[in-house]
Amino acid sequence: MGKKNPAEQLKTEKDSKAKPAKAENKAKTDKSTKSDKPKTSNKGKNGKKEPEKKTVGKWFRELRSEIKKVTWPSGASVRQNTGVVLVFVCVIGLFLAGVDGALGFAVDFLLNLGK
């Protein structure tokens, strides 16, 4: 009787592992997550955050720098995607026109039943 079947042995191993894990999780949650350093803020006299001072020229230089990083699509890709969008819009438009016509016919039919 000294041997346990594998299912019982696995169950006792899980139970023995689960208890310390809960204690570890509790210890982790007890630690303070706040920093000891005081936060510095750039709030003005009225308590609102003051915007960073930028000149117009600096703004345009940063804009130009960001625009250079953009991967622009090729002309062929733009034409192809535009064609797909236009075809999709036409198909959906025809579908909605058909649904509108069918519902209009159904409403007219129901309204004329009593006459």
PDB file of N, CA and C in Angstrom:
ATOM      1  N   MET A   1       0.803  -1.194   0.000  1.00  0.00           N
ATOM      2  CA  MET A   1       0.000   0.000   0.000  1.00  0.00           C
ATOM      3  C   MET A   1       0.847   1.259   0.000  1.00  0.00           C
ATOM      4  N   GLY A   2       2.126   1.130  -0.053  1.00  0.00           N
ATOM      5  CA  GLY A   2       3.006   2.290  -0.029  1.00  0.00           C
ATOM      6  C   GLY A   2       2.949   3.086  -1.327  1.00  0.00           C
ATOM      7  N   LYS A   3       2.574   2.428  -2.429  1.00  0.00           N
ATOM      8  CA  LYS A   3       2.524   3.124  -3.715  1.00  0.00           C
ATOM      9  C   LYS A   3       1.139   3.700  -3.946  1.00  0.00           C
ATOM     10  N   LYS A   4       1.113   4.911  -4.505  1.00  0.00           N
ATOM     11  CA  LYS A   4      -0.151   5.539  -4.899  1.00  0.00           C
ATOM     12  C   LYS A   4      -0.307   5.393  -6.400  1.00  0.00           C
ATOM     13  N   ASN A   5      -1.548   5.368  -6.841  1.00  0.00           N
ATOM     14  CA  ASN A   5      -1.715   5.331  -8.285  1.00  0.00           C
ATOM     15  C   ASN A   5      -1.309   6.682  -8.869  1.00  0.00           C
ATOM     16  N   PRO A   6      -0.986   6.773 -10.159  1.00  0.00           N
ATOM     17  CA  PRO A   6      -0.458   8.012 -10.745  1.00  0.00           C
ATOM     18  C   PRO A   6      -1.395   9.211 -10.594  1.00  0.00           C
ATOM     19  N   ALA A   7      -2.702   8.992 -10.654  1.00  0.00           N
ATOM     20  CA  ALA A   7      -3.642  10.117 -10.537  1.00  0.00           C
ATOM     21  C   ALA A   7      -3.578  10.728  -9.140  1.00  0.00           C
ATOM     22  N   GLU A   8      -3.518   9.883  -8.099  1.00  0.00           N
ATOM     23  CA  GLU A   8      -3.439  10.382  -6.729  1.00  0.00           C
ATOM     24  C   GLU A   8      -2.116  11.085  -6.476  1.00  0.00           C
ATOM     25  N   GLN A   9      -1.036  10.521  -7.039  1.00  0.00           N
ATOM     26  CA  GLN A   9       0.279  11.110  -6.861  1.00  0.00           C
ATOM     27  C   GLN A   9       0.327  12.493  -7.517  1.00  0.00           C
ATOM     28  N   LEU A  10      -0.244  12.620  -8.718  1.00  0.00           N
ATOM     29  CA  LEU A  10      -0.280  13.898  -9.418  1.00  0.00           C
ATOM     30  C   LEU A  10      -1.109  14.910  -8.638  1.00  0.00           C
ATOM     31  N   LYS A  11      -2.226  14.463  -8.064  1.00  0.00           N
ATOM     32  CA  LYS A  11      -3.087  15.355  -7.296  1.00  0.00           C
ATOM     33  C   LYS A  11      -2.360  15.894  -6.063  1.00  0.00           C
ATOM     34  N   THR A  12      -1.633  15.037  -5.366  1.00  0.00           N
ATOM     35  CA  THR A  12      -0.926  15.491  -4.169  1.00  0.00           C
ATOM     36  C   THR A  12       0.221  16.420  -4.535  1.00  0.00           C
ATOM     37  N   GLU A  13       0.871  16.187  -5.685  1.00  0.00           N
ATOM     38  CA  GLU A  13       1.936  17.080  -6.130  1.00  0.00           C
ATOM     39  C   GLU A  13       1.370  18.464  -6.451  1.00  0.00           C
ATOM     40  N   LYS A  14       0.208  18.514  -7.114  1.00  0.00           N
ATOM     41  CA  LYS A  14      -0.424  19.793  -7.450  1.00  0.00           C
ATOM     42  C   LYS A  14      -0.807  20.549  -6.189  1.00  0.00           C
ATOM     43  N   ASP A  15      -1.371  19.830  -5.212  1.00  0.00           N
ATOM     44  CA  ASP A  15      -1.786  20.474  -3.968  1.00  0.00           C
ATOM     45  C   ASP A  15      -0.588  21.065  -3.233  1.00  0.00           C
ATOM     46  N   SER A  16       0.530  20.346  -3.233  1.00  0.00           N
ATOM     47  CA  SER A  16       1.698  20.847  -2.514  1.00  0.00           C
ATOM     48  C   SER A  16       2.317  22.039  -3.230  1.00  0.00           C
ATOM     49  N   LYS A  17       2.184  22.105  -4.556  1.00  0.00           N
ATOM     50  CA  LYS A  17       2.734  23.231  -5.311  1.00  0.00           C
ATOM     51  C   LYS A  17       1.822  24.449  -5.248  1.00  0.00           C
ATOM     52  N   ALA A  18       0.532  24.253  -5.131  1.00  0.00           N
ATOM     53  CA  ALA A  18      -0.418  25.358  -5.183  1.00  0.00           C
ATOM     54  C   ALA A  18      -0.326  26.248  -3.955  1.00  0.00           C
ATOM     55  N   LYS A  19      -0.087  25.691  -2.797  1.00  0.00           N
ATOM     56  CA  LYS A  19      -0.071  26.485  -1.579  1.00  0.00           C
ATOM     57  C   LYS A  19       1.043  27.521  -1.555  1.00  0.00           C
ATOM     58  N   PRO A  20       2.293  27.180  -1.877  1.00  0.00           N
ATOM     59  CA  PRO A  20       3.333  28.208  -1.874  1.00  0.00           C
ATOM     60  C   PRO A  20       3.103  29.266  -2.957  1.00  0.00           C
ATOM     61  N   ALA A  21       2.499  28.880  -4.074  1.00  0.00           N
ATOM     62  CA  ALA A  21       2.272  29.842  -5.144  1.00  0.00           C
ATOM     63  C   ALA A  21       1.338  30.948  -4.676  1.00  0.00           C
ATOM     64  N   LYS A  22       0.327  30.599  -3.900  1.00  0.00           N
ATOM     65  CA  LYS A  22      -0.584  31.620  -3.391  1.00  0.00           C
ATOM     66  C   LYS A  22       0.142  32.570  -2.462  1.00  0.00           C
ATOM     67  N   ALA A  23       1.022  32.040  -1.657  1.00  0.00           N
ATOM     68  CA  ALA A  23       1.785  32.880  -0.740  1.00  0.00           C
ATOM     69  C   ALA A  23       2.700  33.813  -1.525  1.00  0.00           C
ATOM     70  N   GLU A  24       3.300  33.314  -2.616  1.00  0.00           N
ATOM     71  CA  GLU A  24       4.168  34.156  -3.445  1.00  0.00           C
ATOM     72  C   GLU A  24       3.365  35.279  -4.084  1.00  0.00           C
ATOM     73  N   ASN A  25       2.172  34.955  -4.596  1.00  0.00           N
ATOM     74  CA  ASN A  25       1.333  35.983  -5.216  1.00  0.00           C
ATOM     75  C   ASN A  25       0.947  37.051  -4.205  1.00  0.00           C
ATOM     76  N   LYS A  26       0.652  36.627  -2.985  1.00  0.00           N
ATOM     77  CA  LYS A  26       0.277  37.584  -1.957  1.00  0.00           C
ATOM     78  C   LYS A  26       1.447  38.497  -1.634  1.00  0.00           C
ATOM     79  N   ALA A  27       2.651  37.931  -1.586  1.00  0.00           N
ATOM     80  CA  ALA A  27       3.837  38.734  -1.306  1.00  0.00           C
ATOM     81  C   ALA A  27       4.074  39.742  -2.416  1.00  0.00           C
ATOM     82  N   LYS A  28       3.788  39.357  -3.658  1.00  0.00           N
ATOM     83  CA  LYS A  28       3.976  40.264  -4.789  1.00  0.00           C
ATOM     84  C   LYS A  28       2.997  41.428  -4.726  1.00  0.00           C
ATOM     85  N   THR A  29       1.769  41.165  -4.326  1.00  0.00           N
ATOM     86  CA  THR A  29       0.771  42.224  -4.275  1.00  0.00           C
ATOM     87  C   THR A  29       0.983  43.158  -3.104  1.00  0.00           C
ATOM     88  N   ASP A  30       1.665  42.689  -2.059  1.00  0.00           N
ATOM     89  CA  ASP A  30       1.909  43.541  -0.904  1.00  0.00           C
ATOM     90  C   ASP A  30       2.949  44.617  -1.177  1.00  0.00           C
ATOM     91  N   LYS A  31       3.810  44.398  -2.161  1.00  0.00           N
ATOM     92  CA  LYS A  31       4.854  45.368  -2.456  1.00  0.00           C
ATOM     93  C   LYS A  31       4.237  46.640  -3.012  1.00  0.00           C
ATOM     94  N   SER A  32       4.798  47.742  -2.654  1.00  0.00           N
ATOM     95  CA  SER A  32       4.313  49.026  -3.128  1.00  0.00           C
ATOM     96  C   SER A  32       4.805  49.256  -4.551  1.00  0.00           C
ATOM     97  N   THR A  33       3.915  49.715  -5.408  1.00  0.00           N
ATOM     98  CA  THR A  33       4.301  49.976  -6.792  1.00  0.00           C
ATOM     99  C   THR A  33       4.626  51.437  -7.015  1.00  0.00           C
ATOM    100  N   LYS A  34       4.438  52.251  -6.015  1.00  0.00           N
ATOM    101  CA  LYS A  34       4.685  53.677  -6.167  1.00  0.00           C
ATOM    102  C   LYS A  34       6.169  53.966  -6.055  1.00  0.00           C
ATOM    103  N   SER A  35       6.586  54.926  -6.813  1.00  0.00           N
ATOM    104  CA  SER A  35       7.981  55.337  -6.780  1.00  0.00           C
ATOM    105  C   SER A  35       8.217  56.243  -5.584  1.00  0.00           C
ATOM    106  N   ASP A  36       9.420  56.193  -5.044  1.00  0.00           N
ATOM    107  CA  ASP A  36       9.771  57.044  -3.913  1.00  0.00           C
ATOM    108  C   ASP A  36      10.068  58.473  -4.352  1.00  0.00           C
ATOM    109  N   LYS A  37      10.340  58.652  -5.641  1.00  0.00           N
ATOM    110  CA  LYS A  37      10.688  59.981  -6.131  1.00  0.00           C
ATOM    111  C   LYS A  37       9.417  60.813  -6.322  1.00  0.00           C
ATOM    112  N   PRO A  38       9.445  62.063  -5.930  1.00  0.00           N
ATOM    113  CA  PRO A  38       8.271  62.908  -6.173  1.00  0.00           C
ATOM    114  C   PRO A  38       8.199  63.252  -7.656  1.00  0.00           C
ATOM    115  N   LYS A  39       6.981  63.302  -8.156  1.00  0.00           N
ATOM    116  CA  LYS A  39       6.787  63.631  -9.561  1.00  0.00           C
ATOM    117  C   LYS A  39       6.873  65.132  -9.755  1.00  0.00           C
ATOM    118  N   THR A  40       7.571  65.501 -10.801  1.00  0.00           N
ATOM    119  CA  THR A  40       7.627  66.924 -11.137  1.00  0.00           C
ATOM    120  C   THR A  40       6.624  67.168 -12.244  1.00  0.00           C
ATOM    121  N   SER A  41       5.961  68.264 -12.193  1.00  0.00           N
ATOM    122  CA  SER A  41       4.979  68.577 -13.222  1.00  0.00           C
ATOM    123  C   SER A  41       5.263  69.961 -13.779  1.00  0.00           C
ATOM    124  N   ASN A  42       4.767  70.183 -14.971  1.00  0.00           N
ATOM    125  CA  ASN A  42       4.925  71.493 -15.574  1.00  0.00           C
ATOM    126  C   ASN A  42       3.567  72.195 -15.606  1.00  0.00           C
ATOM    127  N   LYS A  43       2.929  72.246 -14.442  1.00  0.00           N
ATOM    128  CA  LYS A  43       1.636  72.908 -14.344  1.00  0.00           C
ATOM    129  C   LYS A  43       1.856  74.392 -14.078  1.00  0.00           C
ATOM    130  N   GLY A  44       0.995  75.164 -14.683  1.00  0.00           N
ATOM    131  CA  GLY A  44       1.092  76.608 -14.531  1.00  0.00           C
ATOM    132  C   GLY A  44       0.385  77.095 -13.283  1.00  0.00           C
ATOM    133  N   LYS A  45       0.152  78.387 -13.234  1.00  0.00           N
ATOM    134  CA  LYS A  45      -0.463  78.996 -12.053  1.00  0.00           C
ATOM    135  C   LYS A  45      -1.903  78.532 -11.849  1.00  0.00           C
ATOM    136  N   ASN A  46      -2.620  78.306 -12.939  1.00  0.00           N
ATOM    137  CA  ASN A  46      -4.027  77.920 -12.816  1.00  0.00           C
ATOM    138  C   ASN A  46      -4.210  76.403 -12.723  1.00  0.00           C
ATOM    139  N   GLY A  47      -3.138  75.640 -12.612  1.00  0.00           N
ATOM    140  CA  GLY A  47      -3.235  74.200 -12.434  1.00  0.00           C
ATOM    141  C   GLY A  47      -3.311  73.425 -13.734  1.00  0.00           C
ATOM    142  N   LYS A  48      -3.359  74.106 -14.873  1.00  0.00           N
ATOM    143  CA  LYS A  48      -3.420  73.420 -16.150  1.00  0.00           C
ATOM    144  C   LYS A  48      -2.011  73.172 -16.659  1.00  0.00           C
ATOM    145  N   LYS A  49      -1.876  72.104 -17.430  1.00  0.00           N
ATOM    146  CA  LYS A  49      -0.574  71.762 -17.984  1.00  0.00           C
ATOM    147  C   LYS A  49      -0.224  72.760 -19.085  1.00  0.00           C
ATOM    148  N   GLU A  50       0.966  73.308 -18.983  1.00  0.00           N
ATOM    149  CA  GLU A  50       1.394  74.277 -19.984  1.00  0.00           C
ATOM    150  C   GLU A  50       1.918  73.548 -21.206  1.00  0.00           C
ATOM    151  N   PRO A  51       1.545  73.976 -22.410  1.00  0.00           N
ATOM    152  CA  PRO A  51       2.038  73.317 -23.616  1.00  0.00           C
ATOM    153  C   PRO A  51       3.522  73.621 -23.822  1.00  0.00           C
ATOM    154  N   GLU A  52       4.184  72.684 -24.476  1.00  0.00           N
ATOM    155  CA  GLU A  52       5.597  72.876 -24.779  1.00  0.00           C
ATOM    156  C   GLU A  52       5.721  73.987 -25.820  1.00  0.00           C
ATOM    157  N   LYS A  53       6.645  74.899 -25.618  1.00  0.00           N
ATOM    158  CA  LYS A  53       6.815  76.021 -26.531  1.00  0.00           C
ATOM    159  C   LYS A  53       7.470  75.531 -27.810  1.00  0.00           C
ATOM    160  N   LYS A  54       6.806  75.753 -28.944  1.00  0.00           N
ATOM    161  CA  LYS A  54       7.352  75.381 -30.247  1.00  0.00           C
ATOM    162  C   LYS A  54       7.171  76.552 -31.188  1.00  0.00           C
ATOM    163  N   THR A  55       8.153  76.737 -32.001  1.00  0.00           N
ATOM    164  CA  THR A  55       8.012  77.753 -33.037  1.00  0.00           C
ATOM    165  C   THR A  55       7.379  77.097 -34.249  1.00  0.00           C
ATOM    166  N   VAL A  56       6.845  77.909 -35.118  1.00  0.00           N
ATOM    167  CA  VAL A  56       6.210  77.392 -36.328  1.00  0.00           C
ATOM    168  C   VAL A  56       7.246  76.682 -37.191  1.00  0.00           C
ATOM    169  N   GLY A  57       8.438  77.260 -37.283  1.00  0.00           N
ATOM    170  CA  GLY A  57       9.495  76.647 -38.076  1.00  0.00           C
ATOM    171  C   GLY A  57       9.883  75.275 -37.565  1.00  0.00           C
ATOM    172  N   LYS A  58       9.977  75.130 -36.250  1.00  0.00           N
ATOM    173  CA  LYS A  58      10.323  73.840 -35.661  1.00  0.00           C
ATOM    174  C   LYS A  58       9.228  72.821 -35.947  1.00  0.00           C
ATOM    175  N   TRP A  59       7.991  73.267 -35.879  1.00  0.00           N
ATOM    176  CA  TRP A  59       6.869  72.371 -36.134  1.00  0.00           C
ATOM    177  C   TRP A  59       6.931  71.845 -37.562  1.00  0.00           C
ATOM    178  N   PHE A  60       7.225  72.731 -38.536  1.00  0.00           N
ATOM    179  CA  PHE A  60       7.308  72.296 -39.931  1.00  0.00           C
ATOM    180  C   PHE A  60       8.512  71.392 -40.167  1.00  0.00           C
ATOM    181  N   ARG A  61       9.627  71.631 -39.493  1.00  0.00           N
ATOM    182  CA  ARG A  61      10.789  70.754 -39.627  1.00  0.00           C
ATOM    183  C   ARG A  61      10.461  69.352 -39.109  1.00  0.00           C
ATOM    184  N   GLU A  62       9.766  69.284 -37.972  1.00  0.00           N
ATOM    185  CA  GLU A  62       9.366  67.987 -37.433  1.00  0.00           C
ATOM    186  C   GLU A  62       8.361  67.298 -38.349  1.00  0.00           C
ATOM    187  N   LEU A  63       7.469  68.085 -38.925  1.00  0.00           N
ATOM    188  CA  LEU A  63       6.486  67.533 -39.853  1.00  0.00           C
ATOM    189  C   LEU A  63       7.186  66.928 -41.061  1.00  0.00           C
ATOM    190  N   ARG A  64       8.142  67.654 -41.627  1.00  0.00           N
ATOM    191  CA  ARG A  64       8.871  67.170 -42.786  1.00  0.00           C
ATOM    192  C   ARG A  64       9.622  65.881 -42.442  1.00  0.00           C
ATOM    193  N   SER A  65      10.206  65.840 -41.259  1.00  0.00           N
ATOM    194  CA  SER A  65      10.933  64.650 -40.810  1.00  0.00           C
ATOM    195  C   SER A  65      10.000  63.451 -40.712  1.00  0.00           C
ATOM    196  N   GLU A  66       8.805  63.651 -40.171  1.00  0.00           N
ATOM    197  CA  GLU A  66       7.845  62.554 -40.031  1.00  0.00           C
ATOM    198  C   GLU A  66       7.310  62.113 -41.385  1.00  0.00           C
ATOM    199  N   ILE A  67       7.086  63.047 -42.291  1.00  0.00           N
ATOM    200  CA  ILE A  67       6.566  62.723 -43.621  1.00  0.00           C
ATOM    201  C   ILE A  67       7.578  61.870 -44.386  1.00  0.00           C
ATOM    202  N   LYS A  68       8.860  62.115 -44.191  1.00  0.00           N
ATOM    203  CA  LYS A  68       9.886  61.320 -44.865  1.00  0.00           C
ATOM    204  C   LYS A  68       9.874  59.875 -44.390  1.00  0.00           C
ATOM    205  N   LYS A  69       9.397  59.619 -43.180  1.00  0.00           N
ATOM    206  CA  LYS A  69       9.367  58.267 -42.620  1.00  0.00           C
ATOM    207  C   LYS A  69       8.201  57.432 -43.153  1.00  0.00           C
ATOM    208  N   VAL A  70       7.227  58.086 -43.771  1.00  0.00           N
ATOM    209  CA  VAL A  70       6.028  57.396 -44.238  1.00  0.00           C
ATOM    210  C   VAL A  70       6.360  56.561 -45.472  1.00  0.00           C
ATOM    211  N   THR A  71       5.844  55.341 -45.526  1.00  0.00           N
ATOM    212  CA  THR A  71       5.968  54.508 -46.712  1.00  0.00           C
ATOM    213  C   THR A  71       4.749  54.777 -47.582  1.00  0.00           C
ATOM    214  N   TRP A  72       4.957  55.488 -48.667  1.00  0.00           N
ATOM    215  CA  TRP A  72       3.861  55.894 -49.532  1.00  0.00           C
ATOM    216  C   TRP A  72       3.549  54.791 -50.528  1.00  0.00           C
ATOM    217  N   PRO A  73       2.261  54.581 -50.853  1.00  0.00           N
ATOM    218  CA  PRO A  73       1.900  53.557 -51.844  1.00  0.00           C
ATOM    219  C   PRO A  73       2.255  54.021 -53.249  1.00  0.00           C
ATOM    220  N   SER A  74       2.447  53.055 -54.136  1.00  0.00           N
ATOM    221  CA  SER A  74       2.749  53.399 -55.527  1.00  0.00           C
ATOM    222  C   SER A  74       1.476  53.879 -56.216  1.00  0.00           C
ATOM    223  N   GLY A  75       1.659  54.541 -57.353  1.00  0.00           N
ATOM    224  CA  GLY A  75       0.498  55.044 -58.106  1.00  0.00           C
ATOM    225  C   GLY A  75      -0.413  53.919 -58.565  1.00  0.00           C
ATOM    226  N   ALA A  76       0.186  52.806 -58.989  1.00  0.00           N
ATOM    227  CA  ALA A  76      -0.616  51.666 -59.440  1.00  0.00           C
ATOM    228  C   ALA A  76      -1.451  51.105 -58.292  1.00  0.00           C
ATOM    229  N   SER A  77      -0.857  51.056 -57.111  1.00  0.00           N
ATOM    230  CA  SER A  77      -1.575  50.554 -55.943  1.00  0.00           C
ATOM    231  C   SER A  77      -2.742  51.465 -55.578  1.00  0.00           C
ATOM    232  N   VAL A  78      -2.517  52.776 -55.675  1.00  0.00           N
ATOM    233  CA  VAL A  78      -3.596  53.731 -55.370  1.00  0.00           C
ATOM    234  C   VAL A  78      -4.737  53.576 -56.364  1.00  0.00           C
ATOM    235  N   ARG A  79      -4.404  53.453 -57.664  1.00  0.00           N
ATOM    236  CA  ARG A  79      -5.453  53.287 -58.687  1.00  0.00           C
ATOM    237  C   ARG A  79      -6.227  51.990 -58.459  1.00  0.00           C
ATOM    238  N   GLN A  80      -5.518  50.915 -58.151  1.00  0.00           N
ATOM    239  CA  GLN A  80      -6.182  49.636 -57.928  1.00  0.00           C
ATOM    240  C   GLN A  80      -7.111  49.705 -56.719  1.00  0.00           C
ATOM    241  N   ASN A  81      -6.635  50.252 -55.627  1.00  0.00           N
ATOM    242  CA  ASN A  81      -7.468  50.353 -54.420  1.00  0.00           C
ATOM    243  C   ASN A  81      -8.662  51.268 -54.643  1.00  0.00           C
ATOM    244  N   THR A  82      -8.478  52.352 -55.408  1.00  0.00           N
ATOM    245  CA  THR A  82      -9.592  53.246 -55.718  1.00  0.00           C
ATOM    246  C   THR A  82     -10.648  52.509 -56.538  1.00  0.00           C
ATOM    247  N   GLY A  83     -10.209  51.704 -57.495  1.00  0.00           N
ATOM    248  CA  GLY A  83     -11.145  50.914 -58.299  1.00  0.00           C
ATOM    249  C   GLY A  83     -11.933  49.931 -57.450  1.00  0.00           C
ATOM    250  N   VAL A  84     -11.256  49.281 -56.533  1.00  0.00           N
ATOM    251  CA  VAL A  84     -11.939  48.323 -55.650  1.00  0.00           C
ATOM    252  C   VAL A  84     -12.993  49.042 -54.818  1.00  0.00           C
ATOM    253  N   VAL A  85     -12.658  50.196 -54.290  1.00  0.00           N
ATOM    254  CA  VAL A  85     -13.609  50.951 -53.465  1.00  0.00           C
ATOM    255  C   VAL A  85     -14.814  51.378 -54.295  1.00  0.00           C
ATOM    256  N   LEU A  86     -14.580  51.884 -55.497  1.00  0.00           N
ATOM    257  CA  LEU A  86     -15.697  52.335 -56.341  1.00  0.00           C
ATOM    258  C   LEU A  86     -16.619  51.174 -56.714  1.00  0.00           C
ATOM    259  N   VAL A  87     -16.057  50.022 -57.057  1.00  0.00           N
ATOM    260  CA  VAL A  87     -16.880  48.852 -57.388  1.00  0.00           C
ATOM    261  C   VAL A  87     -17.687  48.424 -56.166  1.00  0.00           C
ATOM    262  N   PHE A  88     -17.056  48.396 -55.007  1.00  0.00           N
ATOM    263  CA  PHE A  88     -17.744  47.988 -53.779  1.00  0.00           C
ATOM    264  C   PHE A  88     -18.886  48.951 -53.463  1.00  0.00           C
ATOM    265  N   VAL A  89     -18.658  50.245 -53.619  1.00  0.00           N
ATOM    266  CA  VAL A  89     -19.701  51.239 -53.356  1.00  0.00           C
ATOM    267  C   VAL A  89     -20.867  51.049 -54.318  1.00  0.00           C
ATOM    268  N   CYS A  90     -20.576  50.776 -55.586  1.00  0.00           N
ATOM    269  CA  CYS A  90     -21.656  50.555 -56.560  1.00  0.00           C
ATOM    270  C   CYS A  90     -22.460  49.302 -56.224  1.00  0.00           C
ATOM    271  N   VAL A  91     -21.785  48.225 -55.856  1.00  0.00           N
ATOM    272  CA  VAL A  91     -22.486  46.982 -55.516  1.00  0.00           C
ATOM    273  C   VAL A  91     -23.373  47.196 -54.296  1.00  0.00           C
ATOM    274  N   ILE A  92     -22.856  47.828 -53.269  1.00  0.00           N
ATOM    275  CA  ILE A  92     -23.654  48.081 -52.066  1.00  0.00           C
ATOM    276  C   ILE A  92     -24.818  49.021 -52.386  1.00  0.00           C
ATOM    277  N   GLY A  93     -24.572  50.020 -53.234  1.00  0.00           N
ATOM    278  CA  GLY A  93     -25.648  50.937 -53.632  1.00  0.00           C
ATOM    279  C   GLY A  93     -26.773  50.206 -54.346  1.00  0.00           C
ATOM    280  N   LEU A  94     -26.418  49.293 -55.263  1.00  0.00           N
ATOM    281  CA  LEU A  94     -27.449  48.518 -55.969  1.00  0.00           C
ATOM    282  C   LEU A  94     -28.203  47.603 -55.007  1.00  0.00           C
ATOM    283  N   PHE A  95     -27.479  47.005 -54.073  1.00  0.00           N
ATOM    284  CA  PHE A  95     -28.122  46.138 -53.085  1.00  0.00           C
ATOM    285  C   PHE A  95     -29.119  46.930 -52.239  1.00  0.00           C
ATOM    286  N   LEU A  96     -28.698  48.096 -51.762  1.00  0.00           N
ATOM    287  CA  LEU A  96     -29.595  48.912 -50.934  1.00  0.00           C
ATOM    288  C   LEU A  96     -30.785  49.427 -51.727  1.00  0.00           C
ATOM    289  N   ALA A  97     -30.565  49.752 -52.996  1.00  0.00           N
ATOM    290  CA  ALA A  97     -31.686  50.188 -53.849  1.00  0.00           C
ATOM    291  C   ALA A  97     -32.691  49.045 -54.007  1.00  0.00           C
ATOM    292  N   GLY A  98     -32.206  47.826 -54.175  1.00  0.00           N
ATOM    293  CA  GLY A  98     -33.093  46.672 -54.294  1.00  0.00           C
ATOM    294  C   GLY A  98     -33.875  46.426 -53.011  1.00  0.00           C
ATOM    295  N   VAL A  99     -33.195  46.509 -51.867  1.00  0.00           N
ATOM    296  CA  VAL A  99     -33.878  46.320 -50.585  1.00  0.00           C
ATOM    297  C   VAL A  99     -34.920  47.419 -50.381  1.00  0.00           C
ATOM    298  N   ASP A 100     -34.568  48.655 -50.724  1.00  0.00           N
ATOM    299  CA  ASP A 100     -35.497  49.770 -50.573  1.00  0.00           C
ATOM    300  C   ASP A 100     -36.732  49.565 -51.456  1.00  0.00           C
ATOM    301  N   GLY A 101     -36.509  49.149 -52.692  1.00  0.00           N
ATOM    302  CA  GLY A 101     -37.636  48.909 -53.595  1.00  0.00           C
ATOM    303  C   GLY A 101     -38.528  47.785 -53.101  1.00  0.00           C
ATOM    304  N   ALA A 102     -37.919  46.704 -52.617  1.00  0.00           N
ATOM    305  CA  ALA A 102     -38.703  45.563 -52.130  1.00  0.00           C
ATOM    306  C   ALA A 102     -39.508  45.941 -50.895  1.00  0.00           C
ATOM    307  N   LEU A 103     -38.888  46.678 -49.992  1.00  0.00           N
ATOM    308  CA  LEU A 103     -39.619  47.089 -48.787  1.00  0.00           C
ATOM    309  C   LEU A 103     -40.717  48.092 -49.131  1.00  0.00           C
ATOM    310  N   GLY A 104     -40.455  48.982 -50.069  1.00  0.00           N
ATOM    311  CA  GLY A 104     -41.488  49.930 -50.511  1.00  0.00           C
ATOM    312  C   GLY A 104     -42.668  49.202 -51.124  1.00  0.00           C
ATOM    313  N   PHE A 105     -42.386  48.194 -51.962  1.00  0.00           N
ATOM    314  CA  PHE A 105     -43.457  47.403 -52.564  1.00  0.00           C
ATOM    315  C   PHE A 105     -44.264  46.684 -51.484  1.00  0.00           C
ATOM    316  N   ALA A 106     -43.563  46.124 -50.474  1.00  0.00           N
ATOM    317  CA  ALA A 106     -44.249  45.403 -49.408  1.00  0.00           C
ATOM    318  C   ALA A 106     -45.141  46.341 -48.597  1.00  0.00           C
ATOM    319  N   VAL A 107     -44.665  47.552 -48.301  1.00  0.00           N
ATOM    320  CA  VAL A 107     -45.462  48.509 -47.532  1.00  0.00           C
ATOM    321  C   VAL A 107     -46.694  48.921 -48.346  1.00  0.00           C
ATOM    322  N   ASP A 108     -46.503  49.213 -49.640  1.00  0.00           N
ATOM    323  CA  ASP A 108     -47.643  49.578 -50.495  1.00  0.00           C
ATOM    324  C   ASP A 108     -48.656  48.448 -50.560  1.00  0.00           C
ATOM    325  N   PHE A 109     -48.197  47.229 -50.686  1.00  0.00           N
ATOM    326  CA  PHE A 109     -49.078  46.074 -50.748  1.00  0.00           C
ATOM    327  C   PHE A 109     -49.880  45.940 -49.461  1.00  0.00           C
ATOM    328  N   LEU A 110     -49.221  46.119 -48.304  1.00  0.00           N
ATOM    329  CA  LEU A 110     -49.910  45.991 -47.020  1.00  0.00           C
ATOM    330  C   LEU A 110     -50.910  47.136 -46.817  1.00  0.00           C
ATOM    331  N   LEU A 111     -50.589  48.330 -47.281  1.00  0.00           N
ATOM    332  CA  LEU A 111     -51.490  49.467 -47.115  1.00  0.00           C
ATOM    333  C   LEU A 111     -52.711  49.347 -48.026  1.00  0.00           C
ATOM    334  N   ASN A 112     -52.558  48.695 -49.161  1.00  0.00           N
ATOM    335  CA  ASN A 112     -53.672  48.569 -50.115  1.00  0.00           C
ATOM    336  C   ASN A 112     -54.517  47.321 -49.875  1.00  0.00           C
ATOM    337  N   LEU A 113     -54.204  46.523 -48.883  1.00  0.00           N
ATOM    338  CA  LEU A 113     -54.988  45.316 -48.595  1.00  0.00           C
ATOM    339  C   LEU A 113     -56.401  45.656 -48.160  1.00  0.00           C
ATOM    340  N   GLY A 114     -56.564  46.705 -47.421  1.00  0.00           N
ATOM    341  CA  GLY A 114     -57.868  47.064 -46.874  1.00  0.00           C
ATOM    342  C   GLY A 114     -58.786  47.733 -47.891  1.00  0.00           C
ATOM    343  N   LYS A 115     -58.314  48.119 -49.037  1.00  0.00           N
ATOM    344  CA  LYS A 115     -59.149  48.825 -50.021  1.00  0.00           C
ATOM    345  C   LYS A 115     -59.908  47.912 -50.904  1.00  0.00           C
TER     346      LYS A 115
END
